N, C-alpha and C. Protein backbone atom coordinates (compact mmCIF):
# COMPACT_ATOMS: atom_id res chain seq x y z
N MET A 1 -3.08 -18.35 -11.50
CA MET A 1 -2.50 -18.29 -10.20
C MET A 1 -3.11 -16.61 -9.79
N PRO A 2 -3.54 -16.55 -8.71
CA PRO A 2 -4.14 -15.10 -8.24
C PRO A 2 -2.65 -14.23 -8.49
N LEU A 3 -3.11 -12.99 -8.72
CA LEU A 3 -2.05 -11.86 -8.26
C LEU A 3 -2.68 -10.90 -7.61
N SER A 4 -2.04 -10.42 -6.50
CA SER A 4 -2.12 -9.34 -5.67
C SER A 4 -1.16 -8.08 -5.73
N LEU A 5 -2.04 -7.00 -5.41
CA LEU A 5 -1.18 -5.83 -5.46
C LEU A 5 -1.46 -5.13 -4.20
N LEU A 6 -0.33 -4.43 -3.42
CA LEU A 6 -0.50 -3.60 -2.75
C LEU A 6 -0.11 -2.41 -2.93
N PHE A 7 -0.95 -1.26 -2.53
CA PHE A 7 -0.54 0.22 -3.02
C PHE A 7 -0.50 0.85 -1.62
N ALA A 8 0.68 1.18 -1.48
CA ALA A 8 0.81 2.12 -0.02
C ALA A 8 1.17 3.31 -0.33
N ASP A 9 0.97 4.24 0.62
CA ASP A 9 1.28 5.48 0.57
C ASP A 9 1.63 6.31 1.96
N ILE A 10 2.76 6.82 1.93
CA ILE A 10 3.33 7.35 3.42
C ILE A 10 2.38 8.40 3.96
N ASP A 11 1.81 8.18 5.07
CA ASP A 11 0.69 9.20 5.50
C ASP A 11 1.28 10.60 5.79
N PHE A 12 0.69 11.72 5.55
CA PHE A 12 1.29 12.89 5.95
C PHE A 12 2.73 13.31 5.50
N PHE A 13 3.09 12.75 4.28
CA PHE A 13 4.46 12.96 3.90
C PHE A 13 5.11 14.30 3.50
N LYS A 14 4.15 15.11 3.10
CA LYS A 14 4.30 16.74 2.56
C LYS A 14 4.72 17.26 3.88
N ARG A 15 3.75 16.95 4.85
CA ARG A 15 4.05 17.64 5.96
C ARG A 15 5.45 17.15 6.61
N TYR A 16 5.83 15.92 6.58
CA TYR A 16 6.92 15.49 7.21
C TYR A 16 8.15 16.46 6.37
N ASN A 17 8.14 16.23 5.08
CA ASN A 17 8.95 16.90 4.30
C ASN A 17 9.10 18.53 4.42
N ASP A 18 8.08 19.39 4.78
CA ASP A 18 7.99 20.56 5.24
C ASP A 18 8.64 20.69 6.51
N HIS A 19 8.05 19.85 7.37
CA HIS A 19 8.58 19.94 8.96
C HIS A 19 10.39 19.77 9.13
N TYR A 20 10.63 18.20 8.40
CA TYR A 20 11.99 17.80 8.62
C TYR A 20 12.87 18.03 7.83
N GLY A 21 12.30 18.52 6.50
CA GLY A 21 13.31 18.89 5.24
C GLY A 21 13.30 17.60 4.74
N HIS A 22 13.89 18.02 3.38
CA HIS A 22 13.82 17.04 2.39
C HIS A 22 14.76 15.68 2.38
N GLN A 23 16.08 16.02 3.03
CA GLN A 23 16.99 15.35 3.20
C GLN A 23 16.39 14.06 4.41
N ALA A 24 15.70 14.63 5.21
CA ALA A 24 15.07 13.84 6.07
C ALA A 24 14.20 12.52 5.53
N GLY A 25 13.49 13.54 4.66
CA GLY A 25 12.25 12.73 4.08
C GLY A 25 12.90 11.58 2.92
N ASP A 26 14.29 12.06 2.18
CA ASP A 26 14.85 11.01 1.50
C ASP A 26 15.35 9.83 2.39
N ASP A 27 15.73 10.22 3.69
CA ASP A 27 16.20 9.19 4.46
C ASP A 27 14.90 8.27 4.96
N ALA A 28 14.10 8.99 5.43
CA ALA A 28 12.68 8.01 5.86
C ALA A 28 12.33 7.29 4.43
N LEU A 29 12.30 7.66 3.27
CA LEU A 29 11.98 6.89 2.16
C LEU A 29 12.75 5.65 2.18
N LYS A 30 14.09 5.66 2.42
CA LYS A 30 14.95 4.70 2.27
C LYS A 30 14.87 3.78 3.20
N LYS A 31 14.54 4.10 4.43
CA LYS A 31 14.17 3.17 5.60
C LYS A 31 13.28 2.59 5.48
N ILE A 32 12.12 3.18 4.71
CA ILE A 32 10.68 2.56 4.75
C ILE A 32 10.92 1.57 3.27
N ALA A 33 11.55 1.91 2.43
CA ALA A 33 12.00 0.78 1.09
C ALA A 33 12.69 -0.31 1.75
N THR A 34 13.68 -0.24 2.59
CA THR A 34 14.07 -1.29 3.15
C THR A 34 13.01 -2.28 3.97
N ALA A 35 12.39 -1.52 4.52
CA ALA A 35 11.45 -2.26 5.67
C ALA A 35 10.60 -3.12 4.89
N LEU A 36 10.03 -2.48 3.88
CA LEU A 36 9.12 -3.40 2.59
C LEU A 36 9.85 -4.38 1.94
N LYS A 37 10.96 -4.18 1.46
CA LYS A 37 11.66 -5.15 0.75
C LYS A 37 12.08 -6.39 2.17
N LYS A 38 12.20 -6.23 2.97
CA LYS A 38 12.72 -7.03 4.34
C LYS A 38 11.08 -8.04 4.51
N THR A 39 10.24 -7.11 4.35
CA THR A 39 9.01 -7.85 4.83
C THR A 39 8.19 -8.66 3.48
N VAL A 40 8.43 -8.21 2.42
CA VAL A 40 7.91 -8.61 1.20
C VAL A 40 9.03 -9.44 0.41
N HIS A 41 9.53 -10.63 0.73
CA HIS A 41 10.55 -10.84 0.51
C HIS A 41 10.72 -12.68 -0.35
N ARG A 42 9.47 -12.89 -0.98
CA ARG A 42 9.75 -14.05 -1.79
C ARG A 42 10.31 -13.87 -2.95
N PRO A 43 10.88 -14.66 -3.40
CA PRO A 43 11.71 -14.37 -4.90
C PRO A 43 10.94 -13.91 -5.92
N THR A 44 9.70 -14.20 -5.74
CA THR A 44 8.83 -13.78 -6.93
C THR A 44 8.07 -12.61 -6.52
N ASP A 45 8.12 -12.06 -5.43
CA ASP A 45 7.33 -10.75 -4.87
C ASP A 45 8.37 -9.50 -5.69
N LEU A 46 7.65 -8.46 -6.03
CA LEU A 46 8.26 -7.16 -6.19
C LEU A 46 7.95 -6.29 -5.44
N VAL A 47 8.81 -5.26 -4.94
CA VAL A 47 8.76 -4.12 -4.21
C VAL A 47 9.30 -2.82 -4.94
N SER A 48 8.13 -2.10 -5.27
CA SER A 48 8.85 -0.58 -6.32
C SER A 48 8.12 0.44 -5.41
N ARG A 49 9.22 1.62 -5.83
CA ARG A 49 8.66 2.96 -5.41
C ARG A 49 7.71 3.22 -6.87
N TYR A 50 6.50 3.74 -6.58
CA TYR A 50 5.70 4.01 -7.72
C TYR A 50 5.81 5.45 -8.01
N GLY A 51 6.20 6.43 -6.94
CA GLY A 51 6.05 7.83 -7.25
C GLY A 51 6.15 8.59 -5.87
N GLY A 52 6.98 9.67 -5.83
CA GLY A 52 6.65 10.47 -4.57
C GLY A 52 6.71 9.58 -3.44
N GLU A 53 5.83 9.36 -2.59
CA GLU A 53 5.79 8.80 -1.34
C GLU A 53 4.80 7.38 -1.31
N GLU A 54 4.79 6.91 -2.39
CA GLU A 54 4.12 5.64 -3.10
C GLU A 54 4.76 4.59 -3.31
N PHE A 55 4.51 3.42 -2.75
CA PHE A 55 4.87 2.26 -3.07
C PHE A 55 4.03 1.07 -3.55
N VAL A 56 4.33 0.25 -4.41
CA VAL A 56 3.54 -0.99 -5.01
C VAL A 56 4.49 -2.18 -4.60
N MET A 57 3.48 -3.19 -4.34
CA MET A 57 4.11 -4.58 -3.70
C MET A 57 3.16 -5.52 -4.75
N ILE A 58 4.10 -6.47 -5.72
CA ILE A 58 3.11 -7.25 -6.46
C ILE A 58 3.48 -8.55 -5.83
N LEU A 59 2.36 -9.29 -5.55
CA LEU A 59 2.66 -10.64 -4.86
C LEU A 59 1.71 -11.63 -5.73
N PRO A 60 2.75 -12.48 -6.63
CA PRO A 60 2.10 -13.41 -7.45
C PRO A 60 1.88 -14.88 -6.53
N ASP A 61 0.75 -15.31 -7.09
CA ASP A 61 0.38 -16.40 -6.52
C ASP A 61 -0.19 -16.22 -5.16
N THR A 62 -0.79 -15.16 -4.76
CA THR A 62 -1.27 -14.69 -3.25
C THR A 62 -2.79 -14.47 -3.64
N GLN A 63 -3.59 -15.05 -2.73
CA GLN A 63 -4.90 -14.83 -2.74
C GLN A 63 -5.04 -13.48 -1.71
N GLN A 64 -6.52 -13.05 -1.84
CA GLN A 64 -6.69 -11.55 -0.99
C GLN A 64 -6.39 -11.97 0.58
N ASP A 65 -6.66 -12.90 1.07
CA ASP A 65 -6.22 -13.12 2.46
C ASP A 65 -4.80 -13.10 2.83
N GLY A 66 -4.28 -13.85 1.99
CA GLY A 66 -2.58 -13.53 2.17
C GLY A 66 -2.25 -12.35 1.74
N ALA A 67 -2.45 -11.32 0.67
CA ALA A 67 -2.39 -10.42 0.55
C ALA A 67 -2.48 -9.28 1.68
N MET A 68 -3.81 -9.57 2.49
CA MET A 68 -4.03 -8.71 3.73
C MET A 68 -3.01 -9.09 4.63
N ALA A 69 -2.87 -10.15 5.08
CA ALA A 69 -1.62 -10.40 6.15
C ALA A 69 -0.32 -9.82 5.72
N VAL A 70 0.03 -9.89 4.58
CA VAL A 70 1.28 -9.07 4.14
C VAL A 70 1.40 -7.75 4.43
N ALA A 71 0.11 -7.07 3.77
CA ALA A 71 -0.19 -5.72 4.26
C ALA A 71 -0.02 -5.50 5.53
N ASN A 72 -0.69 -6.19 6.52
CA ASN A 72 -0.66 -5.97 8.07
C ASN A 72 0.91 -5.97 8.39
N LYS A 73 1.48 -6.84 8.09
CA LYS A 73 3.01 -7.23 8.52
C LYS A 73 3.60 -5.64 8.12
N VAL A 74 3.52 -5.45 6.69
CA VAL A 74 4.15 -4.08 6.11
C VAL A 74 3.76 -2.72 7.23
N LEU A 75 2.49 -2.58 7.33
CA LEU A 75 2.19 -1.72 8.42
C LEU A 75 3.15 -1.74 9.49
N GLN A 76 3.04 -3.16 10.38
CA GLN A 76 3.89 -3.29 11.52
C GLN A 76 5.45 -3.00 11.17
N SER A 77 5.61 -3.21 10.16
CA SER A 77 7.36 -3.19 9.83
C SER A 77 7.68 -1.57 9.94
N VAL A 78 6.70 -0.77 9.37
CA VAL A 78 6.79 0.72 9.12
C VAL A 78 6.73 1.42 10.58
N ARG A 79 6.14 0.87 11.33
CA ARG A 79 5.52 1.16 12.65
C ARG A 79 6.98 0.96 13.44
N ASN A 80 7.38 -0.18 13.33
CA ASN A 80 8.49 -0.44 14.16
C ASN A 80 9.82 0.28 13.72
N LEU A 81 9.92 1.04 12.48
CA LEU A 81 10.98 2.17 12.31
C LEU A 81 11.00 3.06 13.49
N ASN A 82 9.93 3.33 14.15
CA ASN A 82 9.67 4.53 14.84
C ASN A 82 10.22 5.75 14.44
N ILE A 83 10.09 6.08 13.04
CA ILE A 83 10.27 7.47 12.40
C ILE A 83 9.50 8.54 13.27
N PRO A 84 9.99 9.74 14.02
CA PRO A 84 9.36 10.63 14.73
C PRO A 84 8.42 11.37 13.46
N HIS A 85 7.21 11.98 13.48
CA HIS A 85 6.52 12.88 12.70
C HIS A 85 5.32 13.30 13.53
N SER A 86 5.87 14.55 14.08
CA SER A 86 5.20 15.45 14.65
C SER A 86 4.18 15.89 14.09
N ASN A 87 4.17 16.21 13.05
CA ASN A 87 3.00 17.04 12.01
C ASN A 87 1.91 15.83 11.63
N ALA A 88 1.94 14.66 12.09
CA ALA A 88 1.10 13.78 11.56
C ALA A 88 -0.31 13.89 12.28
N GLU A 89 -1.66 14.02 11.54
CA GLU A 89 -2.57 14.16 12.42
C GLU A 89 -3.00 12.93 13.52
N ASN A 90 -2.67 11.47 12.74
CA ASN A 90 -3.26 10.39 13.31
C ASN A 90 -2.39 9.64 14.51
N ASN A 91 -0.94 10.18 14.39
CA ASN A 91 -0.01 9.55 14.91
C ASN A 91 1.34 10.39 15.20
N ASP A 92 2.12 10.03 16.04
CA ASP A 92 3.47 10.84 16.23
C ASP A 92 4.62 10.13 15.63
N ARG A 93 4.21 9.03 14.93
CA ARG A 93 5.06 8.25 13.87
C ARG A 93 4.88 8.20 12.54
N VAL A 94 5.85 8.08 11.53
CA VAL A 94 5.70 7.90 10.04
C VAL A 94 4.67 6.38 10.12
N THR A 95 3.39 6.41 9.38
CA THR A 95 2.95 5.26 9.10
C THR A 95 2.36 5.44 7.56
N LEU A 96 1.90 4.21 7.32
CA LEU A 96 1.39 4.06 5.82
C LEU A 96 -0.14 3.80 5.78
N SER A 97 -0.70 3.97 4.77
CA SER A 97 -1.87 3.72 4.42
C SER A 97 -1.77 2.69 3.24
N ILE A 98 -2.56 1.36 3.17
CA ILE A 98 -2.38 0.37 2.07
C ILE A 98 -3.89 -0.18 1.49
N GLY A 99 -4.03 -0.01 0.44
CA GLY A 99 -4.80 -0.54 -0.50
C GLY A 99 -4.29 -2.06 -0.98
N VAL A 100 -5.20 -3.07 -0.98
CA VAL A 100 -5.22 -4.27 -1.38
C VAL A 100 -6.11 -4.65 -2.42
N ALA A 101 -5.71 -5.23 -3.67
CA ALA A 101 -6.43 -5.97 -4.51
C ALA A 101 -5.96 -7.04 -5.32
N THR A 102 -6.76 -8.19 -5.69
CA THR A 102 -6.60 -9.36 -6.09
C THR A 102 -7.10 -9.68 -7.29
N LEU A 103 -6.20 -9.87 -8.41
CA LEU A 103 -7.02 -10.75 -9.40
C LEU A 103 -6.88 -12.34 -9.57
N ASN A 104 -8.11 -13.05 -9.81
CA ASN A 104 -7.93 -13.99 -9.63
C ASN A 104 -8.06 -14.90 -11.18
N PRO A 105 -7.53 -15.77 -11.27
CA PRO A 105 -7.56 -16.66 -12.66
C PRO A 105 -9.19 -16.68 -12.94
N GLY A 106 -9.10 -16.43 -14.53
CA GLY A 106 -10.26 -16.54 -14.82
C GLY A 106 -11.19 -15.51 -15.06
N GLU A 107 -10.76 -14.35 -14.25
CA GLU A 107 -11.41 -13.08 -14.02
C GLU A 107 -11.24 -12.32 -15.63
N ASP A 108 -12.39 -11.61 -16.09
CA ASP A 108 -11.86 -10.82 -17.14
C ASP A 108 -11.36 -9.46 -16.72
N GLN A 109 -10.47 -9.39 -16.32
CA GLN A 109 -9.71 -8.01 -16.08
C GLN A 109 -8.83 -7.72 -16.71
N LYS A 110 -8.20 -6.23 -16.80
CA LYS A 110 -6.95 -6.04 -17.25
C LYS A 110 -6.39 -5.59 -16.42
N PRO A 111 -4.75 -5.91 -16.29
CA PRO A 111 -3.98 -5.23 -15.45
C PRO A 111 -4.26 -3.83 -14.68
N GLU A 112 -4.74 -3.08 -15.65
CA GLU A 112 -4.83 -1.57 -15.26
C GLU A 112 -6.01 -1.61 -13.99
N ILE A 113 -6.91 -2.38 -14.46
CA ILE A 113 -7.94 -2.55 -13.48
C ILE A 113 -7.51 -2.87 -11.80
N LEU A 114 -6.50 -3.89 -11.84
CA LEU A 114 -6.09 -4.22 -10.55
C LEU A 114 -5.34 -3.15 -10.05
N ILE A 115 -4.60 -2.27 -10.72
CA ILE A 115 -3.99 -0.89 -10.27
C ILE A 115 -5.02 0.04 -9.58
N GLU A 116 -6.27 0.27 -10.45
CA GLU A 116 -7.00 1.15 -10.13
C GLU A 116 -7.87 0.78 -8.81
N THR A 117 -8.08 -0.68 -8.63
CA THR A 117 -8.95 -1.08 -7.74
C THR A 117 -8.07 -1.12 -6.58
N ALA A 118 -6.51 -1.25 -6.51
CA ALA A 118 -5.84 -1.01 -5.21
C ALA A 118 -5.69 0.53 -4.85
N ASP A 119 -5.67 1.27 -5.97
CA ASP A 119 -5.59 2.59 -5.74
C ASP A 119 -6.86 3.19 -4.76
N LYS A 120 -8.24 2.71 -5.52
CA LYS A 120 -9.33 2.99 -4.61
C LYS A 120 -9.35 2.51 -3.30
N ALA A 121 -9.02 1.43 -3.15
CA ALA A 121 -8.81 1.00 -1.87
C ALA A 121 -7.95 1.72 -0.66
N LEU A 122 -6.87 1.97 -1.24
CA LEU A 122 -5.76 3.11 -0.47
C LEU A 122 -6.63 4.38 -0.09
N TYR A 123 -7.13 4.87 -1.15
CA TYR A 123 -7.71 6.20 -0.70
C TYR A 123 -9.16 5.77 0.22
N ARG A 124 -9.65 4.75 0.34
CA ARG A 124 -10.65 4.50 0.96
C ARG A 124 -9.51 4.55 2.60
N ALA A 125 -8.61 3.84 2.54
CA ALA A 125 -7.88 3.68 3.93
C ALA A 125 -7.40 5.00 4.39
N LYS A 126 -7.14 5.91 3.68
CA LYS A 126 -6.75 7.45 3.88
C LYS A 126 -8.12 8.06 4.40
N GLU A 127 -8.88 7.94 3.64
CA GLU A 127 -10.45 8.92 4.18
C GLU A 127 -10.99 8.04 5.63
N THR A 128 -10.60 7.00 5.79
CA THR A 128 -11.17 6.18 6.94
C THR A 128 -10.02 6.48 8.09
N GLY A 129 -8.97 7.13 8.18
CA GLY A 129 -8.36 7.28 9.40
C GLY A 129 -6.80 6.97 8.97
N ARG A 130 -6.53 6.56 8.04
CA ARG A 130 -4.93 6.34 7.76
C ARG A 130 -4.30 5.32 8.64
N ASN A 131 -3.10 5.15 8.04
CA ASN A 131 -2.60 3.83 9.32
C ASN A 131 -3.16 2.69 9.26
N HIS A 132 -3.77 2.16 8.23
CA HIS A 132 -4.43 0.62 8.09
C HIS A 132 -4.62 0.28 6.84
N VAL A 133 -5.17 -1.03 6.53
CA VAL A 133 -5.46 -1.52 5.30
C VAL A 133 -6.82 -1.45 4.85
N GLU A 134 -6.90 -1.23 3.67
CA GLU A 134 -8.30 -1.53 2.98
C GLU A 134 -8.15 -2.49 1.89
N SER A 135 -9.20 -3.38 1.74
CA SER A 135 -9.36 -4.34 0.72
C SER A 135 -10.26 -3.65 -0.25
N ALA A 136 -10.29 -4.47 -1.64
CA ALA A 136 -10.80 -4.12 -2.78
C ALA A 136 -12.28 -4.22 -2.72
N PRO A 137 -13.24 -3.69 -3.21
CA PRO A 137 -14.58 -3.61 -3.02
C PRO A 137 -15.10 -4.81 -2.95
N PRO A 138 -16.37 -5.15 -2.34
CA PRO A 138 -17.26 -6.35 -2.55
C PRO A 138 -17.34 -6.97 -3.71
N GLU A 139 -17.51 -8.02 -4.20
CA GLU A 139 -17.67 -8.62 -5.39
C GLU A 139 -18.95 -8.08 -6.18
N GLU A 140 -19.97 -7.47 -5.54
CA GLU A 140 -20.85 -6.76 -6.27
C GLU A 140 -20.23 -5.62 -6.88
N ASP A 141 -19.59 -4.85 -6.14
CA ASP A 141 -18.91 -3.62 -6.91
C ASP A 141 -18.10 -4.07 -7.85
N LYS A 142 -17.30 -5.08 -7.86
CA LYS A 142 -16.41 -5.44 -8.82
C LYS A 142 -17.15 -5.72 -10.09
N LYS A 143 -18.29 -6.58 -9.75
CA LYS A 143 -19.19 -6.61 -11.34
C LYS A 143 -19.73 -5.65 -12.00
N LYS A 144 -20.05 -4.71 -10.93
CA LYS A 144 -20.45 -3.68 -11.69
C LYS A 144 -19.53 -2.70 -12.37
N HIS A 145 -18.28 -2.51 -11.80
CA HIS A 145 -17.19 -1.77 -12.57
C HIS A 145 -16.73 -2.68 -13.68
N ARG A 146 -16.81 -3.86 -13.85
CA ARG A 146 -16.31 -4.77 -15.23
C ARG A 146 -17.29 -4.49 -15.92
N ALA A 147 -18.36 -4.33 -15.84
CA ALA A 147 -19.59 -4.09 -16.87
C ALA A 147 -19.33 -2.81 -17.64
N THR A 148 -18.72 -1.75 -16.81
CA THR A 148 -18.71 -0.59 -17.37
C THR A 148 -17.16 -0.23 -17.91
N VAL A 149 -16.34 -1.21 -18.04
CA VAL A 149 -15.10 -1.05 -18.57
C VAL A 149 -15.15 -1.35 -20.05
């Protein structure tokens, strides 16, 4: 079965905490966690806080297309919370950036590579404007990466 991983980061969260205070930051984290759990809700799916303002969502038996669809629903669910964020550069509300990676059956990869690949996609999302989803690199890049591991 394919296994997809969504790696999400709250955009400009340090600025949020600095402006609104850590209690408001904790409240925002709880609201976002609840929204993620409601959106990623199959019995086999897992949503977890990864650290700080990062979350991971593990989607068993989910191809890249399905994972991208779920990631876009997650973005929308967080937008729908309408949490004000006057110190964000790209929006006046709290938003997420998400990186998506998929491990397909038969691929010679370790789980760590899945995490690393999703993390790289997340940073591409942040570098290219935030508040959107980026997927794993093209197949050619994966092959190069696999050869060096």
